[in-house]
Amino acid sequence: MLEAYGVWAEKSLYGRKFMGINRTTFLIDEKGVVRRVWPKVKVAGHAEEVLAAAKEL
């Protein structure tokens, strides 16, 4: 699933490269359709933004 959603990627930390998960949020409707994507998520305020977008569906 990680590869299907494109979130399994090469990362780098202190010059060391490794495979890991890119923090991304997907808003998926009741029919299983991806309605919105937030790449490179920052925690502060993110939950509120996602909830507001979900209410617009």
Protein backbone atom coordinates (compact mmCIF):
# COMPACT_ATOMS: atom_id res chain seq x y z
CA MET A 1 0.00 0.00 0.00
CA LEU A 2 2.86 2.39 0.76
CA GLU A 3 4.16 2.07 -2.78
CA ALA A 4 0.66 2.34 -4.30
CA TYR A 5 0.12 5.66 -2.52
CA GLY A 6 3.65 6.84 -3.33
CA VAL A 7 4.74 7.42 0.25
CA TRP A 8 7.58 4.86 0.44
CA ALA A 9 10.64 6.85 -0.61
CA GLU A 10 14.32 7.38 -0.09
CA LYS A 11 15.09 9.68 2.83
CA SER A 12 18.27 11.14 4.20
CA LEU A 13 19.38 11.84 7.76
CA TYR A 14 22.86 13.11 8.60
CA GLY A 15 24.02 12.08 5.13
CA ARG A 16 22.79 8.50 5.55
CA LYS A 17 20.24 7.40 2.94
CA PHE A 18 17.50 4.94 3.82
CA MET A 19 13.97 4.00 2.79
CA GLY A 20 11.10 5.37 4.85
CA ILE A 21 7.61 6.77 4.86
CA ASN A 22 6.91 10.34 3.74
CA ARG A 23 4.36 11.74 6.16
CA THR A 24 1.27 12.31 4.03
CA THR A 25 -2.46 12.53 4.75
CA PHE A 26 -5.10 11.27 2.33
CA LEU A 27 -8.75 12.28 2.63
CA ILE A 28 -10.74 9.33 1.25
CA ASP A 29 -14.52 9.53 0.83
CA GLU A 30 -17.07 6.83 1.64
CA LYS A 31 -16.74 5.40 -1.89
CA GLY A 32 -12.98 4.97 -1.53
CA VAL A 33 -12.10 7.93 -3.75
CA VAL A 34 -9.09 10.02 -2.73
CA ARG A 35 -10.51 13.53 -2.48
CA ARG A 36 -7.48 15.44 -1.19
CA VAL A 37 -3.81 14.86 -0.41
CA TRP A 38 -1.58 16.73 2.02
CA PRO A 39 2.10 15.91 1.36
CA LYS A 40 4.91 16.68 3.83
CA VAL A 41 2.52 17.11 6.76
CA LYS A 42 3.45 19.30 9.70
CA VAL A 43 1.60 18.42 12.90
CA ALA A 44 0.62 21.90 14.12
CA GLY A 45 -2.92 22.69 12.94
CA HIS A 46 -3.08 19.78 10.52
CA ALA A 47 -5.92 17.87 12.18
CA GLU A 48 -8.13 20.96 12.11
CA GLU A 49 -7.38 21.49 8.41
CA VAL A 50 -8.27 17.90 7.54
CA LEU A 51 -11.50 18.01 9.57
CA ALA A 52 -12.54 21.24 7.85
CA ALA A 53 -11.90 19.71 4.41
CA ALA A 54 -13.87 16.60 5.37
CA LYS A 55 -16.87 18.74 6.32
CA GLU A 56 -16.83 20.25 2.81
CA LEU A 57 -17.38 16.86 1.16
